[in-house]
C-alpha cells in the first residue's frame, strides 16, 4: 500500500544511526574543540617573536582570558 500525503498512520523511515546527542556526547565534542583551540593558540604563539610570546605568557597561563 502506498501511503497518502497527510496520512497520520504512515510509517516514517528513520536511519538507525540517527540519535539525539546526549549531554556527555556534546560535552566531549566541546572539550575536543577547546583542546583544538588551545593547540591553535600555542601554534600561533610559537610563531611569534620571543618578546611577544613572553609578554603574552606573562598575562596568564590561559591566553584566552584576555
Protein backbone atom coordinates (compact mmCIF):
# COMPACT_ATOMS: atom_id res chain seq x y z
CA UNK A 1 0.00 0.00 0.00
CA UNK A 2 1.30 3.45 -0.93
CA UNK A 3 0.81 5.98 1.88
CA UNK A 4 -1.10 9.12 1.05
CA UNK A 5 0.33 12.53 1.97
CA UNK A 6 -1.03 13.65 5.33
CA UNK A 7 -1.88 10.09 6.42
CA UNK A 8 -1.29 10.14 10.21
CA UNK A 9 -0.79 6.36 10.32
CA UNK A 10 2.00 6.14 7.76
CA UNK A 11 5.42 4.97 8.89
CA UNK A 12 8.31 7.39 8.60
CA UNK A 13 11.60 5.62 7.93
CA UNK A 14 14.42 6.79 10.21
CA UNK A 15 18.04 5.77 9.73
CA UNK A 16 19.24 3.52 12.51
CA UNK A 17 22.27 5.74 13.01
CA UNK A 18 20.09 8.74 13.85
CA UNK A 19 20.02 9.54 17.53
CA UNK A 20 19.77 12.53 19.82
CA UNK A 21 23.14 13.53 21.21
CA UNK A 22 23.44 13.11 24.94
CA UNK A 23 24.90 15.76 27.22
CA UNK A 24 28.04 13.61 27.56
CA UNK A 25 28.50 13.49 23.79
CA UNK A 26 28.03 17.24 23.50
CA UNK A 27 30.43 17.87 26.40
CA UNK A 28 33.03 15.60 24.79
CA UNK A 29 32.66 17.41 21.46
CA UNK A 30 33.05 20.79 23.19
CA UNK A 31 36.12 19.56 25.10
CA UNK A 32 37.74 18.42 21.86
CA UNK A 33 37.04 21.86 20.32
CA UNK A 34 38.58 23.61 23.34
CA UNK A 35 41.68 21.41 23.10
CA UNK A 36 41.97 22.15 19.37
CA UNK A 37 41.62 25.88 20.07
CA UNK A 38 44.33 25.73 22.74
CA UNK A 39 46.63 23.90 20.34
CA UNK A 40 45.98 26.53 17.65
CA UNK A 41 46.79 29.32 20.12
CA UNK A 42 50.05 27.64 21.07
CA UNK A 43 50.94 27.15 17.40
CA UNK A 44 50.33 30.85 16.74
CA UNK A 45 52.34 31.90 19.79
CA UNK A 46 55.27 29.70 18.79
CA UNK A 47 55.41 31.59 15.51
CA UNK A 48 55.67 34.97 17.27
CA UNK A 49 58.94 36.67 18.08
CA UNK A 50 60.22 35.65 21.51
CA UNK A 51 59.50 39.00 23.22
CA UNK A 52 55.84 38.99 22.14
CA UNK A 53 55.46 35.35 23.22
CA UNK A 54 56.95 36.17 26.65
CA UNK A 55 54.62 39.16 27.07
CA UNK A 56 51.58 37.01 26.30
CA UNK A 57 52.69 34.33 28.73
CA UNK A 58 53.19 36.95 31.47
CA UNK A 59 49.49 37.88 31.19
CA UNK A 60 48.45 34.44 32.36
CA UNK A 61 48.75 30.80 31.52
CA UNK A 62 45.38 30.88 29.76
CA UNK A 63 45.79 33.22 26.80
CA UNK A 64 42.02 33.01 26.24
CA UNK A 65 41.34 35.04 29.42
CA UNK A 66 42.08 38.34 27.70
